[in-house]
Amino acid sequence: MGLIALLILASLAPTSPAPPQGPPPATLCQTPEHAQFDFWVGKWDVYPANKPDQLVAHSLIERLYNGCAVRENWMPLKGAGGGSLNSYRPEKKQWEQYWTDSANELNVYVGGIEDSKMVLTGISRTPNGATTSERMIYEKLPDGSVTQTGYTSKDEGKTWGLSYKFIYRRAAQ
C-alpha cells in the first residue's frame, strides 16, 4: 500500500471522543444554590402592598434551561412590560439579574440569599443615561405568596428609600 493510501486510511480511522468536561448539562445546575429562587417560580397576580385588592399586573416566573435560569415575564395592566433573566453564577457565588423592558431600560443586579430572602442590588440606567442605585428584596411569606420590595438610593447606597412593595399571589389555574 502506498504512502498516500495509508494517509487516507489514517484520516478515516475513528478517533476516541474527547473526555467530558465537567458535569453533564442535565445536572450542571441541580445544586441547592440554583434552587434558591424557586420560591418565586409560578404564575402570579400582583398587587401593591398598600392596596392588596387592586390587581396591577400578572407575572409568569419560569425555571428554564435545565434549572440554570429563572425568567420573569412582567405583564402590567397599565404601563411598560418587561422581564428579567436570573442566573446563579457559581464562580462568583452570587445571583445575577438582567432586566429589560419596553421603555428600553437595561439593568443589572447582583446578590443572593440573606436571612431567607433574595436580595439583589444594582444600578438602574434609563435610556437617557440617568442612573440610580436600586435594591430589591424578594421574600416568601407563610401563605405561599411572595413580596417584592424595591428601594432606591441617591447617595450610592448609604441610605435607601422605599420605591414600591408588591405582593405576588398565585394566579388561579
N, C-alpha and C. Protein backbone atom coordinates (compact mmCIF):
# COMPACT_ATOMS: atom_id res chain seq x y z
N MET A 1 0.86 -1.17 0.00
CA MET A 1 0.00 0.00 0.00
C MET A 1 0.90 1.22 0.00
N GLY A 2 0.54 2.18 -0.82
CA GLY A 2 1.36 3.37 -0.93
C GLY A 2 1.14 4.32 0.24
N LEU A 3 2.04 5.25 0.35
CA LEU A 3 2.00 6.24 1.42
C LEU A 3 0.71 7.05 1.38
N ILE A 4 0.26 7.44 0.22
CA ILE A 4 -0.97 8.23 0.10
C ILE A 4 -2.16 7.42 0.58
N ALA A 5 -2.24 6.15 0.24
CA ALA A 5 -3.34 5.31 0.68
C ALA A 5 -3.34 5.16 2.20
N LEU A 6 -2.16 5.02 2.82
CA LEU A 6 -2.07 4.93 4.27
C LEU A 6 -2.55 6.21 4.94
N LEU A 7 -2.17 7.36 4.38
CA LEU A 7 -2.61 8.64 4.94
C LEU A 7 -4.12 8.79 4.85
N ILE A 8 -4.70 8.37 3.74
CA ILE A 8 -6.16 8.45 3.58
C ILE A 8 -6.84 7.53 4.58
N LEU A 9 -6.35 6.30 4.74
CA LEU A 9 -6.94 5.37 5.70
C LEU A 9 -6.81 5.91 7.12
N ALA A 10 -5.66 6.48 7.44
CA ALA A 10 -5.46 7.01 8.78
C ALA A 10 -6.43 8.16 9.07
N SER A 11 -6.71 8.98 8.07
CA SER A 11 -7.63 10.10 8.28
C SER A 11 -9.07 9.63 8.43
N LEU A 12 -9.38 8.45 7.93
CA LEU A 12 -10.74 7.92 8.05
C LEU A 12 -10.95 7.09 9.29
N ALA A 13 -9.88 6.75 9.99
CA ALA A 13 -9.98 5.90 11.19
C ALA A 13 -10.73 6.63 12.28
N PRO A 14 -11.58 5.89 13.00
CA PRO A 14 -12.33 6.56 14.09
C PRO A 14 -11.37 7.03 15.17
N THR A 15 -11.72 8.17 15.76
CA THR A 15 -10.91 8.70 16.85
C THR A 15 -11.70 8.58 18.14
N SER A 16 -10.97 8.54 19.22
CA SER A 16 -11.64 8.48 20.53
C SER A 16 -12.27 9.83 20.82
N PRO A 17 -13.50 9.82 21.35
CA PRO A 17 -14.12 11.11 21.70
C PRO A 17 -13.35 11.75 22.85
N ALA A 18 -13.38 13.08 22.88
CA ALA A 18 -12.73 13.81 23.97
C ALA A 18 -13.44 13.49 25.27
N PRO A 19 -12.71 13.41 26.37
CA PRO A 19 -13.37 13.14 27.66
C PRO A 19 -14.31 14.29 28.01
N PRO A 20 -15.42 13.99 28.70
CA PRO A 20 -16.37 15.04 29.06
C PRO A 20 -15.71 16.11 29.93
N GLN A 21 -16.09 17.34 29.75
CA GLN A 21 -15.57 18.45 30.53
C GLN A 21 -16.62 18.87 31.55
N GLY A 22 -16.46 18.49 32.80
CA GLY A 22 -17.41 18.87 33.84
C GLY A 22 -18.64 17.99 33.83
N PRO A 23 -19.60 18.32 34.68
CA PRO A 23 -20.82 17.50 34.76
C PRO A 23 -21.65 17.63 33.49
N PRO A 24 -22.46 16.61 33.21
CA PRO A 24 -23.32 16.70 32.02
C PRO A 24 -24.30 17.85 32.17
N PRO A 25 -24.71 18.49 31.07
CA PRO A 25 -25.60 19.66 31.13
C PRO A 25 -26.88 19.43 31.92
N ALA A 26 -27.43 18.23 31.90
CA ALA A 26 -28.70 17.99 32.59
C ALA A 26 -28.57 18.13 34.11
N THR A 27 -27.36 17.98 34.65
CA THR A 27 -27.19 18.06 36.10
C THR A 27 -26.36 19.26 36.53
N LEU A 28 -25.86 20.03 35.61
CA LEU A 28 -24.96 21.13 35.92
C LEU A 28 -25.57 22.12 36.91
N CYS A 29 -26.84 22.42 36.79
CA CYS A 29 -27.48 23.43 37.63
C CYS A 29 -28.44 22.84 38.66
N GLN A 30 -28.23 21.59 39.01
CA GLN A 30 -29.07 20.94 40.01
C GLN A 30 -28.41 21.03 41.38
N THR A 31 -28.09 22.25 41.80
CA THR A 31 -27.45 22.47 43.10
C THR A 31 -28.42 23.20 44.01
N PRO A 32 -28.21 23.15 45.31
CA PRO A 32 -29.06 23.92 46.23
C PRO A 32 -29.05 25.42 45.92
N GLU A 33 -27.90 25.94 45.50
CA GLU A 33 -27.82 27.38 45.18
C GLU A 33 -28.70 27.73 43.97
N HIS A 34 -28.71 26.87 42.97
CA HIS A 34 -29.55 27.13 41.79
C HIS A 34 -31.04 27.08 42.12
N ALA A 35 -31.40 26.45 43.21
CA ALA A 35 -32.80 26.34 43.61
C ALA A 35 -33.24 27.45 44.57
N GLN A 36 -32.34 28.35 44.94
CA GLN A 36 -32.66 29.37 45.94
C GLN A 36 -33.80 30.31 45.53
N PHE A 37 -33.99 30.51 44.24
CA PHE A 37 -35.02 31.44 43.77
C PHE A 37 -36.30 30.72 43.35
N ASP A 38 -36.36 29.40 43.58
CA ASP A 38 -37.52 28.62 43.15
C ASP A 38 -38.82 29.05 43.83
N PHE A 39 -38.73 29.67 45.00
CA PHE A 39 -39.96 30.11 45.68
C PHE A 39 -40.71 31.15 44.87
N TRP A 40 -40.06 31.78 43.91
CA TRP A 40 -40.67 32.82 43.08
C TRP A 40 -41.27 32.24 41.80
N VAL A 41 -40.96 31.00 41.49
CA VAL A 41 -41.43 30.38 40.25
C VAL A 41 -42.93 30.14 40.33
N GLY A 42 -43.65 30.53 39.28
CA GLY A 42 -45.08 30.31 39.22
C GLY A 42 -45.78 31.35 38.37
N LYS A 43 -47.09 31.23 38.34
CA LYS A 43 -47.94 32.19 37.64
C LYS A 43 -48.62 33.03 38.71
N TRP A 44 -48.43 34.35 38.65
CA TRP A 44 -48.82 35.24 39.73
C TRP A 44 -49.75 36.36 39.29
N ASP A 45 -50.59 36.79 40.23
CA ASP A 45 -51.30 38.07 40.15
C ASP A 45 -50.60 38.98 41.14
N VAL A 46 -50.36 40.22 40.75
CA VAL A 46 -49.53 41.11 41.55
C VAL A 46 -50.34 42.32 42.01
N TYR A 47 -50.18 42.64 43.29
CA TYR A 47 -50.93 43.72 43.94
C TYR A 47 -49.97 44.62 44.71
N PRO A 48 -50.25 45.93 44.78
CA PRO A 48 -49.45 46.77 45.66
C PRO A 48 -49.77 46.42 47.11
N ALA A 49 -48.76 46.42 47.97
CA ALA A 49 -48.97 46.04 49.37
C ALA A 49 -49.92 47.00 50.07
N ASN A 50 -49.91 48.27 49.67
CA ASN A 50 -50.80 49.24 50.33
C ASN A 50 -52.22 49.22 49.77
N LYS A 51 -52.47 48.47 48.69
CA LYS A 51 -53.81 48.29 48.11
C LYS A 51 -53.94 46.83 47.70
N PRO A 52 -54.04 45.93 48.68
CA PRO A 52 -53.95 44.50 48.39
C PRO A 52 -55.10 43.91 47.57
N ASP A 53 -56.10 44.71 47.24
CA ASP A 53 -57.19 44.23 46.39
C ASP A 53 -57.14 44.81 44.98
N GLN A 54 -56.14 45.62 44.67
CA GLN A 54 -56.03 46.28 43.37
C GLN A 54 -55.00 45.57 42.50
N LEU A 55 -55.46 44.71 41.61
CA LEU A 55 -54.58 43.98 40.71
C LEU A 55 -53.87 44.96 39.78
N VAL A 56 -52.52 44.89 39.71
CA VAL A 56 -51.77 45.81 38.85
C VAL A 56 -51.01 45.08 37.74
N ALA A 57 -50.79 43.77 37.91
CA ALA A 57 -50.01 43.05 36.90
C ALA A 57 -50.20 41.55 37.04
N HIS A 58 -49.80 40.87 35.99
CA HIS A 58 -49.63 39.42 36.00
C HIS A 58 -48.14 39.18 35.79
N SER A 59 -47.63 38.10 36.34
CA SER A 59 -46.22 37.80 36.18
C SER A 59 -46.05 36.29 36.07
N LEU A 60 -45.32 35.88 35.06
CA LEU A 60 -45.02 34.47 34.86
C LEU A 60 -43.53 34.28 35.14
N ILE A 61 -43.22 33.49 36.15
CA ILE A 61 -41.84 33.21 36.53
C ILE A 61 -41.57 31.74 36.23
N GLU A 62 -40.58 31.47 35.39
CA GLU A 62 -40.29 30.11 34.95
C GLU A 62 -38.84 29.73 35.28
N ARG A 63 -38.67 28.48 35.69
CA ARG A 63 -37.32 27.92 35.82
C ARG A 63 -37.02 27.23 34.50
N LEU A 64 -35.93 27.64 33.84
CA LEU A 64 -35.63 27.19 32.49
C LEU A 64 -34.20 26.68 32.35
N TYR A 65 -33.92 26.11 31.17
CA TYR A 65 -32.58 25.73 30.75
C TYR A 65 -31.92 24.78 31.75
N ASN A 66 -32.59 23.66 32.00
CA ASN A 66 -32.11 22.64 32.94
C ASN A 66 -31.87 23.20 34.34
N GLY A 67 -32.67 24.20 34.72
CA GLY A 67 -32.55 24.78 36.05
C GLY A 67 -31.48 25.84 36.18
N CYS A 68 -30.87 26.24 35.08
CA CYS A 68 -29.78 27.23 35.12
C CYS A 68 -30.29 28.67 35.13
N ALA A 69 -31.57 28.89 34.93
CA ALA A 69 -32.08 30.26 34.89
C ALA A 69 -33.51 30.33 35.40
N VAL A 70 -33.86 31.49 35.92
CA VAL A 70 -35.22 31.83 36.31
C VAL A 70 -35.58 33.07 35.50
N ARG A 71 -36.67 32.99 34.75
CA ARG A 71 -37.07 34.10 33.88
C ARG A 71 -38.42 34.65 34.30
N GLU A 72 -38.49 35.97 34.38
CA GLU A 72 -39.76 36.64 34.68
C GLU A 72 -40.29 37.31 33.42
N ASN A 73 -41.60 37.20 33.22
CA ASN A 73 -42.29 37.96 32.19
C ASN A 73 -43.30 38.83 32.94
N TRP A 74 -42.99 40.12 33.08
CA TRP A 74 -43.80 41.09 33.82
C TRP A 74 -44.81 41.71 32.87
N MET A 75 -46.11 41.53 33.18
CA MET A 75 -47.19 41.97 32.30
C MET A 75 -48.14 42.90 33.07
N PRO A 76 -47.80 44.19 33.15
CA PRO A 76 -48.65 45.11 33.90
C PRO A 76 -49.96 45.37 33.16
N LEU A 77 -51.00 45.69 33.92
CA LEU A 77 -52.28 46.03 33.30
C LEU A 77 -52.19 47.39 32.62
N LYS A 78 -51.30 48.26 33.12
CA LYS A 78 -51.03 49.58 32.52
C LYS A 78 -49.53 49.80 32.53
N GLY A 79 -49.03 50.48 31.53
CA GLY A 79 -47.60 50.82 31.52
C GLY A 79 -46.75 49.80 30.79
N ALA A 80 -45.44 49.98 30.93
CA ALA A 80 -44.46 49.20 30.18
C ALA A 80 -44.27 47.81 30.77
N GLY A 81 -44.31 46.82 29.90
CA GLY A 81 -43.99 45.46 30.30
C GLY A 81 -42.50 45.22 30.19
N GLY A 82 -42.05 44.11 30.73
CA GLY A 82 -40.63 43.80 30.67
C GLY A 82 -40.37 42.42 31.23
N GLY A 83 -39.11 42.17 31.49
CA GLY A 83 -38.77 40.88 32.04
C GLY A 83 -37.34 40.81 32.50
N SER A 84 -37.07 39.74 33.23
CA SER A 84 -35.72 39.55 33.74
C SER A 84 -35.27 38.12 33.50
N LEU A 85 -33.96 37.97 33.40
CA LEU A 85 -33.33 36.67 33.34
C LEU A 85 -32.38 36.61 34.53
N ASN A 86 -32.56 35.61 35.37
CA ASN A 86 -31.81 35.46 36.61
C ASN A 86 -31.02 34.16 36.56
N SER A 87 -29.77 34.21 37.01
CA SER A 87 -28.95 33.01 36.97
C SER A 87 -27.96 33.03 38.12
N TYR A 88 -27.79 31.87 38.76
CA TYR A 88 -26.78 31.74 39.81
C TYR A 88 -25.44 31.50 39.15
N ARG A 89 -24.43 32.28 39.54
CA ARG A 89 -23.09 32.18 38.98
C ARG A 89 -22.17 31.54 40.02
N PRO A 90 -21.92 30.23 39.92
CA PRO A 90 -21.13 29.55 40.95
C PRO A 90 -19.73 30.12 41.13
N GLU A 91 -19.11 30.55 40.03
CA GLU A 91 -17.75 31.08 40.14
C GLU A 91 -17.69 32.37 40.96
N LYS A 92 -18.81 33.09 41.03
CA LYS A 92 -18.89 34.33 41.81
C LYS A 92 -19.66 34.14 43.11
N LYS A 93 -20.30 32.97 43.25
CA LYS A 93 -21.15 32.68 44.42
C LYS A 93 -22.22 33.76 44.61
N GLN A 94 -22.86 34.13 43.50
CA GLN A 94 -23.92 35.14 43.56
C GLN A 94 -24.91 34.94 42.42
N TRP A 95 -26.09 35.54 42.61
CA TRP A 95 -27.10 35.60 41.57
C TRP A 95 -26.90 36.87 40.77
N GLU A 96 -27.25 36.80 39.48
CA GLU A 96 -27.24 37.97 38.61
C GLU A 96 -28.60 38.06 37.94
N GLN A 97 -29.13 39.28 37.86
CA GLN A 97 -30.39 39.51 37.17
C GLN A 97 -30.17 40.57 36.10
N TYR A 98 -30.68 40.28 34.91
CA TYR A 98 -30.66 41.23 33.80
C TYR A 98 -32.10 41.57 33.48
N TRP A 99 -32.46 42.83 33.66
CA TRP A 99 -33.82 43.31 33.43
C TRP A 99 -33.83 44.21 32.21
N THR A 100 -34.83 44.02 31.36
CA THR A 100 -35.06 44.95 30.27
C THR A 100 -36.57 45.10 30.10
N ASP A 101 -36.97 46.22 29.50
CA ASP A 101 -38.40 46.45 29.36
C ASP A 101 -38.72 47.23 28.10
N SER A 102 -40.00 47.50 27.89
CA SER A 102 -40.43 48.18 26.68
C SER A 102 -40.12 49.67 26.70
N ALA A 103 -39.54 50.18 27.78
CA ALA A 103 -39.04 51.55 27.83
C ALA A 103 -37.54 51.58 27.53
N ASN A 104 -36.98 50.43 27.13
CA ASN A 104 -35.59 50.28 26.74
C ASN A 104 -34.61 50.44 27.89
N GLU A 105 -35.06 50.17 29.11
CA GLU A 105 -34.12 50.15 30.23
C GLU A 105 -33.39 48.81 30.23
N LEU A 106 -32.17 48.82 30.67
CA LEU A 106 -31.39 47.61 30.85
C LEU A 106 -30.65 47.75 32.17
N ASN A 107 -31.01 46.91 33.13
CA ASN A 107 -30.45 47.00 34.46
C ASN A 107 -29.84 45.66 34.85
N VAL A 108 -28.75 45.72 35.59
CA VAL A 108 -28.08 44.52 36.07
C VAL A 108 -28.03 44.59 37.59
N TYR A 109 -28.45 43.49 38.22
CA TYR A 109 -28.46 43.40 39.68
C TYR A 109 -27.70 42.15 40.09
N VAL A 110 -27.07 42.19 41.25
CA VAL A 110 -26.36 41.02 41.78
C VAL A 110 -26.70 40.86 43.25
N GLY A 111 -26.55 39.64 43.74
CA GLY A 111 -26.81 39.41 45.16
C GLY A 111 -27.02 37.95 45.45
N GLY A 112 -27.82 37.71 46.49
CA GLY A 112 -28.07 36.34 46.91
C GLY A 112 -28.97 36.29 48.12
N ILE A 113 -29.02 35.14 48.75
CA ILE A 113 -29.88 34.91 49.90
C ILE A 113 -29.28 35.56 51.14
N GLU A 114 -30.11 36.36 51.81
CA GLU A 114 -29.76 36.97 53.10
C GLU A 114 -30.97 36.80 54.01
N ASP A 115 -30.80 36.11 55.12
CA ASP A 115 -31.90 35.88 56.07
C ASP A 115 -33.14 35.31 55.38
N SER A 116 -32.96 34.30 54.54
CA SER A 116 -34.04 33.60 53.81
C SER A 116 -34.73 34.47 52.77
N LYS A 117 -34.16 35.60 52.41
CA LYS A 117 -34.72 36.48 51.38
C LYS A 117 -33.71 36.63 50.25
N MET A 118 -34.20 36.76 49.03
CA MET A 118 -33.32 37.05 47.90
C MET A 118 -33.14 38.56 47.83
N VAL A 119 -31.89 39.02 47.92
CA VAL A 119 -31.58 40.45 47.91
C VAL A 119 -30.68 40.72 46.71
N LEU A 120 -31.16 41.57 45.81
CA LEU A 120 -30.41 41.92 44.60
C LEU A 120 -30.23 43.44 44.57
N THR A 121 -29.01 43.88 44.28
CA THR A 121 -28.69 45.30 44.25
C THR A 121 -27.98 45.63 42.94
N GLY A 122 -28.26 46.82 42.41
CA GLY A 122 -27.60 47.23 41.18
C GLY A 122 -27.88 48.67 40.84
N ILE A 123 -27.56 49.00 39.61
CA ILE A 123 -27.73 50.35 39.10
C ILE A 123 -28.80 50.31 38.01
N SER A 124 -29.76 51.21 38.11
CA SER A 124 -30.78 51.35 37.07
C SER A 124 -30.33 52.47 36.14
N ARG A 125 -30.33 52.15 34.84
CA ARG A 125 -29.95 53.13 33.83
C ARG A 125 -31.11 53.35 32.87
N THR A 126 -31.55 54.57 32.77
CA THR A 126 -32.62 54.88 31.82
C THR A 126 -31.99 55.12 30.45
N PRO A 127 -32.80 55.08 29.37
CA PRO A 127 -32.24 55.31 28.03
C PRO A 127 -31.54 56.66 27.89
N ASN A 128 -31.92 57.66 28.70
CA ASN A 128 -31.26 58.97 28.58
C ASN A 128 -30.00 59.07 29.43
N GLY A 129 -29.62 57.97 30.11
CA GLY A 129 -28.36 57.94 30.83
C GLY A 129 -28.45 58.19 32.33
N ALA A 130 -29.61 58.53 32.85
CA ALA A 130 -29.75 58.77 34.28
C ALA A 130 -29.58 57.45 35.03
N THR A 131 -28.94 57.51 36.21
CA THR A 131 -28.73 56.30 36.99
C THR A 131 -29.17 56.48 38.43
N THR A 132 -29.63 55.40 39.03
CA THR A 132 -29.93 55.35 40.46
C THR A 132 -29.52 53.98 40.97
N SER A 133 -29.14 53.93 42.23
CA SER A 133 -28.88 52.65 42.87
C SER A 133 -30.21 52.06 43.29
N GLU A 134 -30.36 50.75 43.07
CA GLU A 134 -31.61 50.08 43.42
C GLU A 134 -31.33 48.78 44.16
N ARG A 135 -32.26 48.44 45.03
CA ARG A 135 -32.20 47.17 45.77
C ARG A 135 -33.59 46.56 45.73
N MET A 136 -33.63 45.25 45.49
CA MET A 136 -34.90 44.53 45.50
C MET A 136 -34.78 43.38 46.49
N ILE A 137 -35.82 43.19 47.28
CA ILE A 137 -35.84 42.09 48.24
C ILE A 137 -37.09 41.25 47.97
N TYR A 138 -36.87 39.96 47.71
CA TYR A 138 -37.94 39.01 47.45
C TYR A 138 -38.05 38.11 48.68
N GLU A 139 -39.28 37.97 49.19
CA GLU A 139 -39.48 37.17 50.39
C GLU A 139 -40.70 36.28 50.24
N LYS A 140 -40.52 34.99 50.52
CA LYS A 140 -41.65 34.06 50.53
C LYS A 140 -42.36 34.20 51.87
N LEU A 141 -43.67 34.39 51.82
CA LEU A 141 -44.48 34.52 53.03
C LEU A 141 -45.07 33.18 53.43
N PRO A 142 -45.51 33.03 54.68
CA PRO A 142 -46.05 31.74 55.14
C PRO A 142 -47.22 31.23 54.32
N ASP A 143 -48.03 32.12 53.72
CA ASP A 143 -49.18 31.66 52.93
C ASP A 143 -48.80 31.27 51.50
N GLY A 144 -47.51 31.33 51.15
CA GLY A 144 -47.06 30.96 49.81
C GLY A 144 -46.92 32.13 48.86
N SER A 145 -47.45 33.29 49.24
CA SER A 145 -47.27 34.46 48.41
C SER A 145 -45.85 34.98 48.55
N VAL A 146 -45.47 35.91 47.70
CA VAL A 146 -44.11 36.46 47.70
C VAL A 146 -44.23 37.98 47.67
N THR A 147 -43.41 38.66 48.47
CA THR A 147 -43.34 40.12 48.36
C THR A 147 -42.06 40.48 47.62
N GLN A 148 -42.18 41.51 46.81
CA GLN A 148 -41.01 42.12 46.18
C GLN A 148 -41.02 43.58 46.61
N THR A 149 -39.97 43.97 47.32
CA THR A 149 -39.87 45.32 47.83
C THR A 149 -38.69 45.99 47.16
N GLY A 150 -38.95 47.17 46.58
CA GLY A 150 -37.89 47.90 45.89
C GLY A 150 -37.50 49.15 46.65
N TYR A 151 -36.22 49.42 46.66
CA TYR A 151 -35.66 50.61 47.30
C TYR A 151 -34.74 51.32 46.33
N THR A 152 -34.64 52.65 46.44
CA THR A 152 -33.69 53.42 45.65
C THR A 152 -32.80 54.22 46.59
N SER A 153 -31.62 54.52 46.09
CA SER A 153 -30.66 55.33 46.84
C SER A 153 -30.11 56.40 45.92
N LYS A 154 -30.07 57.60 46.43
CA LYS A 154 -29.48 58.72 45.67
C LYS A 154 -28.08 59.05 46.17
N ASP A 155 -27.59 58.28 47.16
CA ASP A 155 -26.26 58.53 47.70
C ASP A 155 -25.39 57.27 47.64
N GLU A 156 -25.53 56.52 46.53
CA GLU A 156 -24.74 55.33 46.25
C GLU A 156 -24.84 54.26 47.34
N GLY A 157 -26.04 54.09 47.89
CA GLY A 157 -26.30 53.00 48.82
C GLY A 157 -26.06 53.31 50.29
N LYS A 158 -25.78 54.55 50.61
CA LYS A 158 -25.62 54.90 52.03
C LYS A 158 -26.96 54.88 52.74
N THR A 159 -27.99 55.39 52.07
CA THR A 159 -29.36 55.37 52.61
C THR A 159 -30.29 54.88 51.51
N TRP A 160 -31.40 54.26 51.93
CA TRP A 160 -32.35 53.67 50.98
C TRP A 160 -33.75 54.17 51.29
N GLY A 161 -34.50 54.49 50.23
CA GLY A 161 -35.90 54.88 50.38
C GLY A 161 -36.80 53.89 49.66
N LEU A 162 -37.96 53.63 50.23
CA LEU A 162 -38.92 52.69 49.64
C LEU A 162 -39.44 53.23 48.31
N SER A 163 -39.38 52.39 47.27
CA SER A 163 -39.92 52.74 45.95
C SER A 163 -41.28 52.09 45.72
N TYR A 164 -41.37 50.82 46.08
CA TYR A 164 -42.60 50.06 45.87
C TYR A 164 -42.55 48.81 46.72
N LYS A 165 -43.72 48.23 46.91
CA LYS A 165 -43.81 46.90 47.55
C LYS A 165 -44.99 46.19 46.90
N PHE A 166 -44.70 45.05 46.27
CA PHE A 166 -45.71 44.25 45.59
C PHE A 166 -45.91 42.94 46.34
N ILE A 167 -47.13 42.44 46.27
CA ILE A 167 -47.46 41.11 46.76
C ILE A 167 -47.81 40.25 45.56
N TYR A 168 -47.07 39.17 45.38
CA TYR A 168 -47.34 38.19 44.31
C TYR A 168 -48.19 37.08 44.92
N ARG A 169 -49.41 36.94 44.41
CA ARG A 169 -50.30 35.85 44.84
C ARG A 169 -50.47 34.88 43.68
N ARG A 170 -50.49 33.60 44.00
CA ARG A 170 -50.65 32.59 42.94
C ARG A 170 -51.92 32.87 42.15
N ALA A 171 -51.78 32.87 40.83
CA ALA A 171 -52.94 33.09 39.95
C ALA A 171 -53.80 31.83 39.94
N ALA A 172 -55.07 32.03 39.72
CA ALA A 172 -56.00 30.89 39.63
C ALA A 172 -55.63 30.07 38.40
N GLN A 173 -55.68 28.75 38.54
CA GLN A 173 -55.35 27.87 37.42
C GLN A 173 -56.55 27.82 36.54
